[in-house]
Amino acid sequence: MAARHVVVGVDGSDPSMAAVRWAAAEAASRRISLRIVHAEASLSGNRQAGPAGSLHDEWVRERIAHACRETAERYPEVEISGGATTETAVKALLEAAEDEELLVLGSRGIGVATGFFTGSVALPVVAHATGPTVLVREDWHPDTADLDLPVVAGVDLDHGFDPVLEFAFDAAHRTGSVLRVVHMWRRSSVYAYPSALPDPKVGADLQAIARDNLDSALDGRQARYPDVVTERVLLDGEVAPGLLEEAAGARLLVGGRRMRKHLRFPTPIGPVTHALMHHAIAPVAVVPHE
């Protein structure tokens, strides 16, 4: 059986250095190796001609080497491999992550157009990755792993939620965390026009149905992970704001992305996933599903 890896993309930026630290901790937790991918072609848009460009490249390589040394000291049991490639960042990352357990990228969040978290790199990578991708903000620190923080998962019970729940339960199991599963239901979905006065009984019935469906979805995995304490959260309202509020102070936020075979757009990421990627402070795991 081929060895499995956590793959992390680095470009020398602070977020990508945080991604290396998070990926190393994850590799240690999973007891697998860490593979570092540095796509030199991704720097071409920022590289200046002459010595300045060479100095920048050397700075990037020094930062990556420092991250490797730091990882080896903190997690001596984790085998580290990988290096630079001349492929474009998107191609290199997707190829490296194929059939691997996890891909990790750095994220500066909304409003910053540098590093791996840019429209030209992270969005197509997340959109086309066949496995889970985790985005890590630059202020993440390994000491966070020692804090008593929950894993938060947002599930859409109308679509393929199984991979999302499996990823979230496994993460909570390995870290000893409480798992908070959030399902958003919308009272407004049963009204034909916005001005309709909501019937309290209709709302109560919809909430009860949502709770039963969520309990059914969780029962099987709860039996497989008896050590995981699970909180069930049912909210009436918009999905992204509700998830972001529940995930404030979380160890990890887990969401899903539907895999679409017939695409009208090159980066098929839904609005909820977009919002989580841009605005969540916790690391965000995007799990593809049917």
Protein backbone atom coordinates (compact mmCIF):
# COMPACT_ATOMS: atom_id res chain seq x y z
CA MET A 1 0.00 0.00 0.00
CA ALA A 2 1.40 3.40 -1.05
CA ALA A 3 2.34 5.86 1.67
CA ARG A 4 -0.15 8.65 2.34
CA HIS A 5 0.72 12.29 2.91
CA VAL A 6 -0.62 15.61 4.06
CA VAL A 7 0.34 17.96 1.20
CA VAL A 8 1.00 21.64 1.91
CA GLY A 9 1.57 24.38 -0.66
CA VAL A 10 4.11 27.06 0.26
CA ASP A 11 5.14 30.32 -1.39
CA GLY A 12 7.12 31.98 1.39
CA SER A 13 4.25 34.13 2.64
CA ASP A 14 3.25 34.24 6.33
CA PRO A 15 -0.03 32.38 5.67
CA SER A 16 1.81 29.57 3.90
CA MET A 17 4.21 29.27 6.84
CA ALA A 18 1.20 28.93 9.14
CA ALA A 19 -0.14 26.31 6.72
CA VAL A 20 3.10 24.32 7.10
CA ARG A 21 2.76 24.38 10.89
CA TRP A 22 -0.91 23.30 10.73
CA ALA A 23 -0.15 20.58 8.16
CA ALA A 24 2.71 19.25 10.30
CA ALA A 25 0.45 19.00 13.35
CA GLU A 26 -2.18 17.27 11.22
CA ALA A 27 0.35 14.82 9.79
CA ALA A 28 1.52 13.99 13.32
CA SER A 29 -2.09 13.47 14.41
CA ARG A 30 -2.78 11.16 11.44
CA ARG A 31 0.62 9.43 11.81
CA ILE A 32 1.51 9.99 8.17
CA SER A 33 4.17 12.00 6.36
CA LEU A 34 4.22 15.62 5.21
CA ARG A 35 4.86 16.62 1.61
CA ILE A 36 5.82 20.23 0.86
CA VAL A 37 5.15 21.69 -2.60
CA HIS A 38 6.77 24.95 -3.69
CA ALA A 39 5.63 26.02 -7.17
CA GLU A 40 8.32 28.44 -8.34
CA ALA A 41 6.19 29.40 -11.32
CA SER A 42 3.69 30.97 -8.91
CA LEU A 43 6.26 33.62 -8.08
CA SER A 44 6.76 34.74 -11.68
CA GLY A 45 4.15 37.45 -11.43
CA ASN A 46 5.94 39.00 -8.43
CA ARG A 47 9.55 38.40 -9.53
CA GLN A 48 11.55 41.39 -10.64
CA ALA A 49 14.25 41.17 -13.28
CA GLY A 50 17.83 40.97 -12.05
CA PRO A 51 19.22 40.61 -8.52
CA ALA A 52 16.05 41.74 -6.75
CA GLY A 53 14.14 38.78 -8.17
CA SER A 54 16.93 36.38 -7.28
CA LEU A 55 17.03 37.72 -3.73
CA HIS A 56 13.29 37.21 -3.41
CA ASP A 57 13.54 33.61 -4.57
CA GLU A 58 16.38 32.98 -2.14
CA TRP A 59 14.30 34.52 0.67
CA VAL A 60 11.43 32.16 -0.16
CA ARG A 61 13.71 29.11 -0.13
CA GLU A 62 15.22 30.16 3.20
CA ARG A 63 11.78 30.52 4.76
CA ILE A 64 10.76 27.09 3.49
CA ALA A 65 13.98 25.56 4.83
CA HIS A 66 13.35 27.21 8.20
CA ALA A 67 9.80 25.82 8.25
CA CYS A 68 11.15 22.34 7.55
CA ARG A 69 13.67 22.61 10.39
CA GLU A 70 11.01 23.92 12.77
CA THR A 71 8.68 21.07 11.81
CA ALA A 72 11.39 18.44 12.27
CA GLU A 73 12.18 19.75 15.74
CA ARG A 74 8.56 19.92 16.89
CA TYR A 75 7.38 16.70 15.21
CA PRO A 76 10.43 14.42 14.84
CA GLU A 77 8.15 11.48 14.06
CA VAL A 78 6.84 13.18 10.87
CA GLU A 79 8.72 12.36 7.68
CA ILE A 80 9.11 15.42 5.45
CA SER A 81 9.51 15.26 1.66
CA GLY A 82 8.93 17.39 -1.40
CA GLY A 83 10.48 20.51 -2.85
CA ALA A 84 10.28 23.01 -5.70
CA THR A 85 8.58 22.47 -9.05
CA THR A 86 8.47 24.58 -12.19
CA GLU A 87 4.80 23.76 -12.80
CA THR A 88 2.18 26.43 -12.28
CA ALA A 89 0.87 26.55 -8.71
CA VAL A 90 -2.62 25.24 -9.51
CA LYS A 91 -1.36 22.32 -11.60
CA ALA A 92 1.38 21.43 -9.12
CA LEU A 93 -0.94 21.46 -6.12
CA LEU A 94 -3.73 19.47 -7.77
CA GLU A 95 -1.28 16.84 -9.05
CA ALA A 96 0.50 16.60 -5.70
CA ALA A 97 -2.75 16.23 -3.78
CA GLU A 98 -4.26 13.60 -6.06
CA ASP A 99 -5.06 10.47 -4.05
CA GLU A 100 -3.53 12.02 -0.90
CA GLU A 101 -5.35 12.48 2.40
CA LEU A 102 -5.36 16.26 2.60
CA LEU A 103 -4.18 19.46 0.90
CA VAL A 104 -3.35 22.52 3.03
CA LEU A 105 -2.98 26.13 1.86
CA GLY A 106 -2.38 29.43 3.60
CA SER A 107 -5.07 32.11 3.67
CA ARG A 108 -5.06 35.83 4.42
CA GLY A 109 -8.82 36.06 4.16
CA ILE A 110 -10.78 38.67 2.25
CA GLY A 111 -9.29 41.77 0.72
CA VAL A 112 -5.72 40.55 0.23
CA ALA A 113 -4.55 39.54 -3.23
CA THR A 114 -1.21 37.86 -2.47
CA GLY A 115 -0.09 34.45 -1.29
CA PHE A 116 -1.82 31.19 -2.19
CA PHE A 117 -5.21 32.57 -1.20
CA THR A 118 -5.91 34.38 -4.47
CA GLY A 119 -8.50 33.96 -7.17
CA SER A 120 -5.88 32.58 -9.56
CA VAL A 121 -4.64 29.82 -7.22
CA ALA A 122 -6.75 28.85 -4.22
CA LEU A 123 -10.17 29.16 -5.82
CA PRO A 124 -9.46 26.79 -8.74
CA VAL A 125 -7.54 24.46 -6.43
CA VAL A 126 -10.44 24.20 -3.98
CA ALA A 127 -12.92 23.97 -6.87
CA HIS A 128 -11.17 21.07 -8.59
CA ALA A 129 -9.48 19.17 -5.75
CA THR A 130 -10.81 15.63 -5.47
CA GLY A 131 -10.09 15.48 -1.73
CA PRO A 132 -10.43 17.80 1.27
CA THR A 133 -8.57 21.12 1.24
CA VAL A 134 -7.85 23.12 4.40
CA LEU A 135 -7.21 26.88 4.37
CA VAL A 136 -5.20 28.25 7.31
CA ARG A 137 -4.98 31.90 8.37
CA GLU A 138 -1.55 33.39 9.05
CA ASP A 139 -2.15 33.90 12.79
CA TRP A 140 -2.67 30.17 13.47
CA HIS A 141 -0.16 28.80 15.98
CA PRO A 142 0.53 25.22 17.16
CA ASP A 143 -0.39 26.21 20.73
CA THR A 144 -3.99 26.39 19.47
CA ALA A 145 -3.96 22.59 19.39
CA ASP A 146 -3.69 22.57 23.20
CA LEU A 147 -6.83 24.66 23.69
CA ASP A 148 -10.27 23.21 24.40
CA LEU A 149 -11.92 24.28 21.15
CA PRO A 150 -14.72 22.59 19.19
CA VAL A 151 -14.74 21.26 15.66
CA VAL A 152 -17.71 22.84 13.85
CA ALA A 153 -19.34 21.21 10.83
CA GLY A 154 -22.03 22.68 8.63
CA VAL A 155 -24.20 20.06 6.93
CA ASP A 156 -26.77 20.30 4.16
CA LEU A 157 -29.04 17.32 4.67
CA ASP A 158 -30.44 17.64 1.14
CA HIS A 159 -27.09 16.78 -0.47
CA GLY A 160 -24.09 14.52 0.06
CA PHE A 161 -23.27 15.25 3.68
CA ASP A 162 -21.60 11.90 4.47
CA PRO A 163 -18.02 12.95 3.54
CA VAL A 164 -18.40 16.18 5.52
CA LEU A 165 -19.55 14.35 8.64
CA GLU A 166 -16.86 11.67 8.28
CA PHE A 167 -14.13 14.32 8.07
CA ALA A 168 -15.55 16.24 11.03
CA PHE A 169 -16.02 13.18 13.27
CA ASP A 170 -12.51 11.97 12.48
CA ALA A 171 -11.04 15.40 13.30
CA ALA A 172 -12.94 15.60 16.59
CA HIS A 173 -11.91 12.04 17.48
CA ARG A 174 -8.20 12.63 16.85
CA THR A 175 -8.10 15.95 18.72
CA GLY A 176 -10.42 15.03 21.58
CA SER A 177 -12.72 17.91 20.65
CA VAL A 178 -16.42 18.46 21.00
CA LEU A 179 -18.11 18.26 17.59
CA ARG A 180 -20.72 20.94 16.94
CA VAL A 181 -22.89 20.01 13.96
CA VAL A 182 -24.85 22.91 12.51
CA HIS A 183 -27.85 22.50 10.22
CA MET A 184 -29.64 25.55 8.87
CA TRP A 185 -33.34 25.31 8.11
CA ARG A 186 -35.36 28.21 6.70
CA ARG A 187 -38.88 28.98 7.82
CA SER A 188 -39.22 31.31 4.82
CA SER A 189 -38.89 28.37 2.41
CA VAL A 190 -42.58 27.47 2.85
CA TYR A 191 -43.93 30.95 2.13
CA ALA A 192 -44.67 32.05 -1.41
CA TYR A 193 -44.13 35.76 -0.75
CA PRO A 194 -41.99 37.66 1.78
CA SER A 195 -44.86 39.55 3.42
CA ALA A 196 -46.60 36.38 4.60
CA LEU A 197 -47.00 36.24 8.37
CA PRO A 198 -45.21 33.17 9.74
CA ASP A 199 -47.36 30.57 11.47
CA PRO A 200 -45.64 29.50 14.72
CA LYS A 201 -46.92 25.95 14.30
CA VAL A 202 -45.40 25.70 10.83
CA GLY A 203 -42.06 26.84 12.20
CA ALA A 204 -42.21 24.34 15.07
CA ASP A 205 -43.10 21.51 12.67
CA LEU A 206 -40.26 22.39 10.31
CA GLN A 207 -37.79 22.54 13.16
CA ALA A 208 -38.93 19.16 14.47
CA ILE A 209 -38.49 17.61 11.02
CA ALA A 210 -35.03 19.15 10.72
CA ARG A 211 -34.05 17.79 14.14
CA ASP A 212 -35.25 14.28 13.27
CA ASN A 213 -33.33 14.37 9.99
CA LEU A 214 -30.19 15.57 11.71
CA ASP A 215 -30.47 12.91 14.41
CA SER A 216 -30.83 10.23 11.73
CA ALA A 217 -27.78 11.53 9.89
CA LEU A 218 -25.67 11.50 13.05
CA ASP A 219 -26.80 8.26 14.69
CA GLY A 220 -24.65 5.91 12.60
CA ARG A 221 -21.44 7.89 12.99
CA GLN A 222 -22.06 8.56 16.66
CA ALA A 223 -22.04 4.80 17.16
CA ARG A 224 -18.70 4.56 15.30
CA TYR A 225 -17.19 7.41 17.34
CA PRO A 226 -18.64 6.89 20.84
CA ASP A 227 -15.91 9.06 22.39
CA VAL A 228 -16.94 12.16 20.41
CA VAL A 229 -19.29 14.47 22.30
CA THR A 230 -21.70 15.89 19.74
CA GLU A 231 -23.67 19.11 19.95
CA ARG A 232 -26.60 19.53 17.57
CA VAL A 233 -27.39 23.10 16.49
CA LEU A 234 -30.48 23.92 14.44
CA LEU A 235 -30.81 27.49 13.19
CA ASP A 236 -33.44 29.26 11.12
CA GLY A 237 -31.82 31.75 8.77
CA GLU A 238 -29.07 32.35 6.25
CA VAL A 239 -26.48 29.59 6.12
CA ALA A 240 -23.15 31.43 5.90
CA PRO A 241 -23.73 33.99 8.70
CA GLY A 242 -25.07 31.27 11.00
CA LEU A 243 -22.10 28.98 10.39
CA LEU A 244 -19.57 31.77 10.83
CA GLU A 245 -21.14 32.78 14.13
CA GLU A 246 -21.16 29.21 15.44
CA ALA A 247 -17.54 28.73 14.32
CA ALA A 248 -16.20 31.79 16.16
CA GLY A 249 -13.42 30.39 18.36
CA ALA A 250 -13.52 26.95 16.73
CA ARG A 251 -10.52 24.66 16.22
CA LEU A 252 -11.70 23.82 12.70
CA LEU A 253 -14.69 24.68 10.51
CA VAL A 254 -15.76 21.91 8.11
CA GLY A 255 -17.98 22.57 5.11
CA GLY A 256 -18.83 20.85 1.86
CA ARG A 257 -18.51 21.54 -1.85
CA ARG A 258 -20.62 19.78 -4.43
CA MET A 259 -18.70 18.19 -7.30
CA ARG A 260 -20.38 19.11 -10.58
CA LYS A 261 -19.49 17.26 -13.77
CA HIS A 262 -21.12 19.71 -16.18
CA LEU A 263 -19.83 23.18 -15.43
CA ARG A 264 -20.76 26.59 -16.74
CA PHE A 265 -17.99 28.29 -14.79
CA PRO A 266 -14.34 27.25 -14.25
CA THR A 267 -14.44 27.58 -10.44
CA PRO A 268 -17.68 25.97 -9.20
CA ILE A 269 -17.62 27.05 -5.56
CA GLY A 270 -20.98 27.91 -4.03
CA PRO A 271 -21.71 31.15 -2.16
CA VAL A 272 -21.60 29.54 1.28
CA THR A 273 -18.16 28.00 0.68
CA HIS A 274 -16.97 31.34 -0.69
CA ALA A 275 -18.14 33.10 2.46
CA LEU A 276 -16.48 30.57 4.78
CA MET A 277 -13.20 30.76 2.87
CA HIS A 278 -13.15 34.55 2.96
CA HIS A 279 -14.46 35.30 6.43
CA ALA A 280 -13.80 32.40 8.83
CA ILE A 281 -11.00 32.95 11.34
CA ALA A 282 -10.60 29.26 12.15
CA PRO A 283 -8.96 26.91 9.63
CA VAL A 284 -11.57 25.91 7.03
CA ALA A 285 -11.81 22.40 5.61
CA VAL A 286 -13.65 22.19 2.28
CA VAL A 287 -14.77 18.61 1.63
CA PRO A 288 -16.00 17.67 -1.89
CA HIS A 289 -19.06 15.50 -2.16
CA GLU A 290 -21.58 14.34 -4.76
